PDB file of N, CA and C in Angstrom:
ATOM      1  N   UNK A   1     -21.579  -5.391  43.374  1.00  0.00           N
ATOM      2  CA  UNK A   1     -20.731  -4.529  42.571  1.00  0.00           C
ATOM      3  C   UNK A   1     -21.053  -3.078  42.899  1.00  0.00           C
ATOM      4  N   UNK A   2     -20.060  -2.304  43.132  1.00  0.00           N
ATOM      5  CA  UNK A   2     -20.242  -0.901  43.481  1.00  0.00           C
ATOM      6  C   UNK A   2     -20.501  -0.096  42.218  1.00  0.00           C
ATOM      7  N   UNK A   3     -21.615   0.610  42.148  1.00  0.00           N
ATOM      8  CA  UNK A   3     -21.997   1.363  40.958  1.00  0.00           C
ATOM      9  C   UNK A   3     -21.054   2.547  40.717  1.00  0.00           C
ATOM     10  N   UNK A   4     -20.499   3.109  41.762  1.00  0.00           N
ATOM     11  CA  UNK A   4     -19.564   4.228  41.621  1.00  0.00           C
ATOM     12  C   UNK A   4     -18.290   3.778  40.914  1.00  0.00           C
ATOM     13  N   UNK A   5     -17.840   2.567  41.212  1.00  0.00           N
ATOM     14  CA  UNK A   5     -16.654   2.026  40.555  1.00  0.00           C
ATOM     15  C   UNK A   5     -16.912   1.829  39.065  1.00  0.00           C
ATOM     16  N   UNK A   6     -18.120   1.372  38.748  1.00  0.00           N
ATOM     17  CA  UNK A   6     -18.503   1.169  37.345  1.00  0.00           C
ATOM     18  C   UNK A   6     -18.560   2.512  36.612  1.00  0.00           C
ATOM     19  N   UNK A   7     -19.131   3.541  37.242  1.00  0.00           N
ATOM     20  CA  UNK A   7     -19.213   4.866  36.631  1.00  0.00           C
ATOM     21  C   UNK A   7     -17.819   5.442  36.397  1.00  0.00           C
ATOM     22  N   UNK A   8     -16.940   5.255  37.365  1.00  0.00           N
ATOM     23  CA  UNK A   8     -15.573   5.758  37.234  1.00  0.00           C
ATOM     24  C   UNK A   8     -14.848   5.047  36.084  1.00  0.00           C
ATOM     25  N   UNK A   9     -15.059   3.762  35.974  1.00  0.00           N
ATOM     26  CA  UNK A   9     -14.439   3.003  34.881  1.00  0.00           C
ATOM     27  C   UNK A   9     -14.936   3.470  33.523  1.00  0.00           C
ATOM     28  N   UNK A  10     -16.234   3.696  33.397  1.00  0.00           N
ATOM     29  CA  UNK A  10     -16.796   4.183  32.131  1.00  0.00           C
ATOM     30  C   UNK A  10     -16.277   5.580  31.799  1.00  0.00           C
ATOM     31  N   UNK A  11     -16.151   6.426  32.823  1.00  0.00           N
ATOM     32  CA  UNK A  11     -15.623   7.775  32.606  1.00  0.00           C
ATOM     33  C   UNK A  11     -14.184   7.726  32.110  1.00  0.00           C
ATOM     34  N   UNK A  12     -13.363   6.916  32.737  1.00  0.00           N
ATOM     35  CA  UNK A  12     -11.959   6.786  32.308  1.00  0.00           C
ATOM     36  C   UNK A  12     -11.881   6.222  30.895  1.00  0.00           C
ATOM     37  N   UNK A  13     -12.752   5.253  30.578  1.00  0.00           N
ATOM     38  CA  UNK A  13     -12.764   4.673  29.237  1.00  0.00           C
ATOM     39  C   UNK A  13     -13.144   5.731  28.203  1.00  0.00           C
ATOM     40  N   UNK A  14     -14.177   6.526  28.471  1.00  0.00           N
ATOM     41  CA  UNK A  14     -14.607   7.560  27.534  1.00  0.00           C
ATOM     42  C   UNK A  14     -13.543   8.635  27.351  1.00  0.00           C
ATOM     43  N   UNK A  15     -12.890   9.030  28.422  1.00  0.00           N
ATOM     44  CA  UNK A  15     -11.819  10.027  28.315  1.00  0.00           C
ATOM     45  C   UNK A  15     -10.671   9.473  27.461  1.00  0.00           C
ATOM     46  N   UNK A  16     -10.295   8.228  27.704  1.00  0.00           N
ATOM     47  CA  UNK A  16      -9.204   7.617  26.936  1.00  0.00           C
ATOM     48  C   UNK A  16      -9.537   7.499  25.460  1.00  0.00           C
ATOM     49  N   UNK A  17     -10.754   7.056  25.164  1.00  0.00           N
ATOM     50  CA  UNK A  17     -11.153   6.924  23.762  1.00  0.00           C
ATOM     51  C   UNK A  17     -11.267   8.284  23.095  1.00  0.00           C
ATOM     52  N   UNK A  18     -11.707   9.297  23.847  1.00  0.00           N
ATOM     53  CA  UNK A  18     -11.785  10.655  23.300  1.00  0.00           C
ATOM     54  C   UNK A  18     -10.415  11.215  22.974  1.00  0.00           C
ATOM     55  N   UNK A  19      -9.459  10.969  23.854  1.00  0.00           N
ATOM     56  CA  UNK A  19      -8.088  11.438  23.608  1.00  0.00           C
ATOM     57  C   UNK A  19      -7.523  10.769  22.355  1.00  0.00           C
ATOM     58  N   UNK A  20      -7.758   9.484  22.205  1.00  0.00           N
ATOM     59  CA  UNK A  20      -7.264   8.773  21.016  1.00  0.00           C
ATOM     60  C   UNK A  20      -7.940   9.302  19.764  1.00  0.00           C
ATOM     61  N   UNK A  21      -9.242   9.552  19.823  1.00  0.00           N
ATOM     62  CA  UNK A  21      -9.963  10.076  18.662  1.00  0.00           C
ATOM     63  C   UNK A  21      -9.438  11.452  18.274  1.00  0.00           C
ATOM     64  N   UNK A  22      -9.243  12.312  19.250  1.00  0.00           N
ATOM     65  CA  UNK A  22      -8.717  13.652  18.966  1.00  0.00           C
ATOM     66  C   UNK A  22      -7.310  13.563  18.376  1.00  0.00           C
ATOM     67  N   UNK A  23      -6.473  12.692  18.928  1.00  0.00           N
ATOM     68  CA  UNK A  23      -5.117  12.525  18.405  1.00  0.00           C
ATOM     69  C   UNK A  23      -5.148  12.061  16.950  1.00  0.00           C
ATOM     70  N   UNK A  24      -6.009  11.094  16.637  1.00  0.00           N
ATOM     71  CA  UNK A  24      -6.078  10.596  15.259  1.00  0.00           C
ATOM     72  C   UNK A  24      -6.584  11.669  14.306  1.00  0.00           C
ATOM     73  N   UNK A  25      -7.568  12.456  14.729  1.00  0.00           N
ATOM     74  CA  UNK A  25      -8.070  13.536  13.869  1.00  0.00           C
ATOM     75  C   UNK A  25      -6.982  14.577  13.610  1.00  0.00           C
ATOM     76  N   UNK A  26      -6.253  14.952  14.644  1.00  0.00           N
ATOM     77  CA  UNK A  26      -5.165  15.910  14.475  1.00  0.00           C
ATOM     78  C   UNK A  26      -4.087  15.342  13.562  1.00  0.00           C
ATOM     79  N   UNK A  27      -3.773  14.060  13.731  1.00  0.00           N
ATOM     80  CA  UNK A  27      -2.750  13.422  12.904  1.00  0.00           C
ATOM     81  C   UNK A  27      -3.153  13.426  11.429  1.00  0.00           C
ATOM     82  N   UNK A  28      -4.407  13.089  11.124  1.00  0.00           N
ATOM     83  CA  UNK A  28      -4.870  13.086   9.730  1.00  0.00           C
ATOM     84  C   UNK A  28      -4.833  14.498   9.162  1.00  0.00           C
ATOM     85  N   UNK A  29      -5.237  15.485   9.949  1.00  0.00           N
ATOM     86  CA  UNK A  29      -5.218  16.880   9.506  1.00  0.00           C
ATOM     87  C   UNK A  29      -3.791  17.338   9.204  1.00  0.00           C
ATOM     88  N   UNK A  30      -2.863  17.035  10.082  1.00  0.00           N
ATOM     89  CA  UNK A  30      -1.459  17.424   9.887  1.00  0.00           C
ATOM     90  C   UNK A  30      -0.860  16.706   8.679  1.00  0.00           C
ATOM     91  N   UNK A  31      -1.213  15.452   8.488  1.00  0.00           N
ATOM     92  CA  UNK A  31      -0.696  14.721   7.321  1.00  0.00           C
ATOM     93  C   UNK A  31      -1.217  15.331   6.023  1.00  0.00           C
ATOM     94  N   UNK A  32      -2.472  15.772   6.004  1.00  0.00           N
ATOM     95  CA  UNK A  32      -3.017  16.427   4.816  1.00  0.00           C
ATOM     96  C   UNK A  32      -2.301  17.728   4.515  1.00  0.00           C
ATOM     97  N   UNK A  33      -2.061  18.517   5.546  1.00  0.00           N
ATOM     98  CA  UNK A  33      -1.331  19.776   5.360  1.00  0.00           C
ATOM     99  C   UNK A  33       0.091  19.504   4.881  1.00  0.00           C
ATOM    100  N   UNK A  34       0.751  18.499   5.460  1.00  0.00           N
ATOM    101  CA  UNK A  34       2.116  18.153   5.070  1.00  0.00           C
ATOM    102  C   UNK A  34       2.163  17.725   3.603  1.00  0.00           C
ATOM    103  N   UNK A  35       1.160  16.966   3.160  1.00  0.00           N
ATOM    104  CA  UNK A  35       1.113  16.539   1.760  1.00  0.00           C
ATOM    105  C   UNK A  35       1.031  17.742   0.832  1.00  0.00           C
ATOM    106  N   UNK A  36       0.197  18.706   1.189  1.00  0.00           N
ATOM    107  CA  UNK A  36       0.065  19.905   0.357  1.00  0.00           C
ATOM    108  C   UNK A  36       1.350  20.717   0.344  1.00  0.00           C
ATOM    109  N   UNK A  37       1.982  20.851   1.493  1.00  0.00           N
ATOM    110  CA  UNK A  37       3.236  21.615   1.577  1.00  0.00           C
ATOM    111  C   UNK A  37       4.333  20.933   0.764  1.00  0.00           C
ATOM    112  N   UNK A  38       4.464  19.624   0.905  1.00  0.00           N
ATOM    113  CA  UNK A  38       5.505  18.914   0.157  1.00  0.00           C
ATOM    114  C   UNK A  38       5.213  18.913  -1.340  1.00  0.00           C
ATOM    115  N   UNK A  39       3.947  18.867  -1.731  1.00  0.00           N
ATOM    116  CA  UNK A  39       3.610  18.973  -3.156  1.00  0.00           C
ATOM    117  C   UNK A  39       4.014  20.319  -3.724  1.00  0.00           C
ATOM    118  N   UNK A  40       3.823  21.375  -2.934  1.00  0.00           N
ATOM    119  CA  UNK A  40       4.226  22.722  -3.363  1.00  0.00           C
ATOM    120  C   UNK A  40       5.737  22.818  -3.472  1.00  0.00           C
ATOM    121  N   UNK A  41       6.447  22.282  -2.489  1.00  0.00           N
ATOM    122  CA  UNK A  41       7.909  22.322  -2.504  1.00  0.00           C
ATOM    123  C   UNK A  41       8.465  21.476  -3.648  1.00  0.00           C
ATOM    124  N   UNK A  42       7.800  20.369  -3.958  1.00  0.00           N
ATOM    125  CA  UNK A  42       8.275  19.459  -5.004  1.00  0.00           C
ATOM    126  C   UNK A  42       8.234  20.118  -6.385  1.00  0.00           C
ATOM    127  N   UNK A  43       7.407  21.140  -6.559  1.00  0.00           N
ATOM    128  CA  UNK A  43       7.378  21.848  -7.843  1.00  0.00           C
ATOM    129  C   UNK A  43       8.689  22.583  -8.093  1.00  0.00           C
ATOM    130  N   UNK A  44       9.306  23.087  -7.028  1.00  0.00           N
ATOM    131  CA  UNK A  44      10.534  23.866  -7.161  1.00  0.00           C
ATOM    132  C   UNK A  44      11.793  23.009  -7.022  1.00  0.00           C
ATOM    133  N   UNK A  45      11.707  21.942  -6.248  1.00  0.00           N
ATOM    134  CA  UNK A  45      12.857  21.067  -6.034  1.00  0.00           C
ATOM    135  C   UNK A  45      12.435  19.611  -6.234  1.00  0.00           C
ATOM    136  N   UNK A  46      12.207  19.187  -7.483  1.00  0.00           N
ATOM    137  CA  UNK A  46      11.755  17.804  -7.708  1.00  0.00           C
ATOM    138  C   UNK A  46      12.856  16.791  -7.397  1.00  0.00           C
ATOM    139  N   UNK A  47      12.432  15.609  -7.024  1.00  0.00           N
ATOM    140  CA  UNK A  47      13.378  14.536  -6.730  1.00  0.00           C
ATOM    141  C   UNK A  47      13.903  13.948  -8.034  1.00  0.00           C
ATOM    142  N   UNK A  48      15.144  13.474  -7.993  1.00  0.00           N
ATOM    143  CA  UNK A  48      15.718  12.832  -9.167  1.00  0.00           C
ATOM    144  C   UNK A  48      15.139  11.435  -9.310  1.00  0.00           C
ATOM    145  N   UNK A  49      14.862  11.054 -10.555  1.00  0.00           N
ATOM    146  CA  UNK A  49      14.327   9.723 -10.825  1.00  0.00           C
ATOM    147  C   UNK A  49      15.454   8.886 -11.401  1.00  0.00           C
ATOM    148  N   UNK A  50      15.783   7.799 -10.703  1.00  0.00           N
ATOM    149  CA  UNK A  50      16.842   6.922 -11.171  1.00  0.00           C
ATOM    150  C   UNK A  50      16.282   5.918 -12.165  1.00  0.00           C
ATOM    151  N   UNK A  51      17.010   5.715 -13.267  1.00  0.00           N
ATOM    152  CA  UNK A  51      16.585   4.745 -14.260  1.00  0.00           C
ATOM    153  C   UNK A  51      17.064   3.365 -13.840  1.00  0.00           C
ATOM    154  N   UNK A  52      16.235   2.387 -14.068  1.00  0.00           N
ATOM    155  CA  UNK A  52      16.584   1.014 -13.738  1.00  0.00           C
ATOM    156  C   UNK A  52      17.424   0.447 -14.882  1.00  0.00           C
ATOM    157  N   UNK A  53      18.676   0.101 -14.577  1.00  0.00           N
ATOM    158  CA  UNK A  53      19.585  -0.401 -15.610  1.00  0.00           C
ATOM    159  C   UNK A  53      19.143  -1.754 -16.139  1.00  0.00           C
ATOM    160  N   UNK A  54      18.447  -2.504 -15.315  1.00  0.00           N
ATOM    161  CA  UNK A  54      18.087  -3.864 -15.678  1.00  0.00           C
ATOM    162  C   UNK A  54      16.647  -3.976 -16.166  1.00  0.00           C
ATOM    163  N   UNK A  55      15.978  -2.853 -16.422  1.00  0.00           N
ATOM    164  CA  UNK A  55      14.574  -2.891 -16.840  1.00  0.00           C
ATOM    165  C   UNK A  55      14.428  -3.588 -18.187  1.00  0.00           C
ATOM    166  N   UNK A  56      15.331  -3.285 -19.125  1.00  0.00           N
ATOM    167  CA  UNK A  56      15.218  -3.898 -20.446  1.00  0.00           C
ATOM    168  C   UNK A  56      15.470  -5.400 -20.372  1.00  0.00           C
ATOM    169  N   UNK A  57      16.404  -5.827 -19.501  1.00  0.00           N
ATOM    170  CA  UNK A  57      16.666  -7.257 -19.341  1.00  0.00           C
ATOM    171  C   UNK A  57      15.468  -7.959 -18.712  1.00  0.00           C
ATOM    172  N   UNK A  58      14.806  -7.283 -17.781  1.00  0.00           N
ATOM    173  CA  UNK A  58      13.624  -7.872 -17.155  1.00  0.00           C
ATOM    174  C   UNK A  58      12.514  -8.057 -18.176  1.00  0.00           C
ATOM    175  N   UNK A  59      12.349  -7.065 -19.063  1.00  0.00           N
ATOM    176  CA  UNK A  59      11.311  -7.172 -20.090  1.00  0.00           C
ATOM    177  C   UNK A  59      11.615  -8.310 -21.051  1.00  0.00           C
ATOM    178  N   UNK A  60      12.888  -8.451 -21.437  1.00  0.00           N
ATOM    179  CA  UNK A  60      13.259  -9.537 -22.326  1.00  0.00           C
ATOM    180  C   UNK A  60      13.053 -10.890 -21.655  1.00  0.00           C
ATOM    181  N   UNK A  61      13.404 -10.984 -20.397  1.00  0.00           N
ATOM    182  CA  UNK A  61      13.224 -12.240 -19.674  1.00  0.00           C
ATOM    183  C   UNK A  61      11.750 -12.581 -19.563  1.00  0.00           C
ATOM    184  N   UNK A  62      10.905 -11.598 -19.335  1.00  0.00           N
ATOM    185  CA  UNK A  62       9.479 -11.857 -19.239  1.00  0.00           C
ATOM    186  C   UNK A  62       8.928 -12.254 -20.605  1.00  0.00           C
ATOM    187  N   UNK A  63       9.405 -11.639 -21.656  1.00  0.00           N
ATOM    188  CA  UNK A  63       8.947 -11.980 -22.995  1.00  0.00           C
ATOM    189  C   UNK A  63       9.321 -13.424 -23.316  1.00  0.00           C
ATOM    190  N   UNK A  64      10.556 -13.817 -23.002  1.00  0.00           N
ATOM    191  CA  UNK A  64      10.976 -15.196 -23.248  1.00  0.00           C
ATOM    192  C   UNK A  64      10.142 -16.164 -22.433  1.00  0.00           C
ATOM    193  N   UNK A  65       9.807 -15.811 -21.211  1.00  0.00           N
ATOM    194  CA  UNK A  65       9.005 -16.660 -20.349  1.00  0.00           C
ATOM    195  C   UNK A  65       7.610 -16.832 -20.937  1.00  0.00           C
ATOM    196  N   UNK A  66       7.044 -15.773 -21.497  1.00  0.00           N
ATOM    197  CA  UNK A  66       5.711 -15.868 -22.099  1.00  0.00           C
ATOM    198  C   UNK A  66       5.732 -16.787 -23.309  1.00  0.00           C
ATOM    199  N   UNK A  67       6.800 -16.737 -24.077  1.00  0.00           N
ATOM    200  CA  UNK A  67       6.902 -17.613 -25.246  1.00  0.00           C
ATOM    201  C   UNK A  67       7.007 -19.075 -24.811  1.00  0.00           C
ATOM    202  N   UNK A  68       7.756 -19.338 -23.751  1.00  0.00           N
ATOM    203  CA  UNK A  68       7.868 -20.714 -23.248  1.00  0.00           C
ATOM    204  C   UNK A  68       6.529 -21.228 -22.746  1.00  0.00           C
ATOM    205  N   UNK A  69       5.773 -20.368 -22.096  1.00  0.00           N
ATOM    206  CA  UNK A  69       4.452 -20.768 -21.613  1.00  0.00           C
ATOM    207  C   UNK A  69       3.538 -21.080 -22.792  1.00  0.00           C
ATOM    208  N   UNK A  70       3.593 -20.267 -23.828  1.00  0.00           N
ATOM    209  CA  UNK A  70       2.763 -20.500 -25.004  1.00  0.00           C
ATOM    210  C   UNK A  70       3.120 -21.829 -25.667  1.00  0.00           C
ATOM    211  N   UNK A  71       4.413 -22.149 -25.747  1.00  0.00           N
ATOM    212  CA  UNK A  71       4.840 -23.429 -26.327  1.00  0.00           C
ATOM    213  C   UNK A  71       4.355 -24.589 -25.474  1.00  0.00           C
ATOM    214  N   UNK A  72       4.428 -24.455 -24.158  1.00  0.00           N
ATOM    215  CA  UNK A  72       3.972 -25.519 -23.267  1.00  0.00           C
ATOM    216  C   UNK A  72       2.475 -25.754 -23.415  1.00  0.00           C
ATOM    217  N   UNK A  73       1.712 -24.692 -23.558  1.00  0.00           N
ATOM    218  CA  UNK A  73       0.266 -24.841 -23.744  1.00  0.00           C
ATOM    219  C   UNK A  73      -0.035 -25.520 -25.073  1.00  0.00           C
ATOM    220  N   UNK A  74       0.682 -25.120 -26.121  1.00  0.00           N
ATOM    221  CA  UNK A  74       0.467 -25.727 -27.435  1.00  0.00           C
ATOM    222  C   UNK A  74       0.810 -27.210 -27.407  1.00  0.00           C
ATOM    223  N   UNK A  75       1.881 -27.576 -26.729  1.00  0.00           N
ATOM    224  CA  UNK A  75       2.258 -28.987 -26.618  1.00  0.00           C
ATOM    225  C   UNK A  75       1.210 -29.784 -25.839  1.00  0.00           C
ATOM    226  N   UNK A  76       0.680 -29.190 -24.783  1.00  0.00           N
ATOM    227  CA  UNK A  76      -0.338 -29.876 -23.993  1.00  0.00           C
ATOM    228  C   UNK A  76      -1.603 -30.101 -24.794  1.00  0.00           C
ATOM    229  N   UNK A  77      -1.994 -29.116 -25.595  1.00  0.00           N
ATOM    230  CA  UNK A  77      -3.194 -29.265 -26.435  1.00  0.00           C
ATOM    231  C   UNK A  77      -2.964 -30.326 -27.494  1.00  0.00           C
ATOM    232  N   UNK A  78      -1.766 -30.330 -28.113  1.00  0.00           N
ATOM    233  CA  UNK A  78      -1.453 -31.311 -29.144  1.00  0.00           C
ATOM    234  C   UNK A  78      -1.435 -32.715 -28.530  1.00  0.00           C
ATOM    235  N   UNK A  79      -0.898 -32.878 -27.358  1.00  0.00           N
ATOM    236  CA  UNK A  79      -0.852 -34.181 -26.697  1.00  0.00           C
ATOM    237  C   UNK A  79      -2.253 -34.672 -26.353  1.00  0.00           C
ATOM    238  N   UNK A  80      -3.105 -33.769 -25.917  1.00  0.00           N
ATOM    239  CA  UNK A  80      -4.462 -34.161 -25.543  1.00  0.00           C
ATOM    240  C   UNK A  80      -5.277 -34.553 -26.776  1.00  0.00           C
ATOM    241  N   UNK A  81      -5.052 -33.872 -27.888  1.00  0.00           N
ATOM    242  CA  UNK A  81      -5.830 -34.195 -29.098  1.00  0.00           C
ATOM    243  C   UNK A  81      -5.381 -35.552 -29.683  1.00  0.00           C
ATOM    244  N   UNK A  82      -4.163 -36.008 -29.401  1.00  0.00           N
ATOM    245  CA  UNK A  82      -3.703 -37.298 -29.896  1.00  0.00           C
ATOM    246  C   UNK A  82      -4.347 -38.446 -29.141  1.00  0.00           C
ATOM    247  N   UNK A  83      -4.693 -38.225 -27.894  1.00  0.00           N
ATOM    248  CA  UNK A  83      -5.206 -39.308 -27.045  1.00  0.00           C
ATOM    249  C   UNK A  83      -6.617 -39.608 -27.365  1.00  0.00           C
TER     250      UNK A  83
END
């Protein structure tokens, strides 16, 4: 095995990994700055929040489901105590 070929391969690997590391650091830095800028802009131009028309129906459906589960548990306990 030629040692020069191995050295060249390691050099290319280190350069490639360094470029990726620098790119990721720059990306995280830019994302942090963007978050701060958008937070500042959002104070003056907030986004509209849409209300969910079906939220109350979902809550009622979940409440009914919880009651059915409670009845099923009570029936199972009553059946087990009879045996």
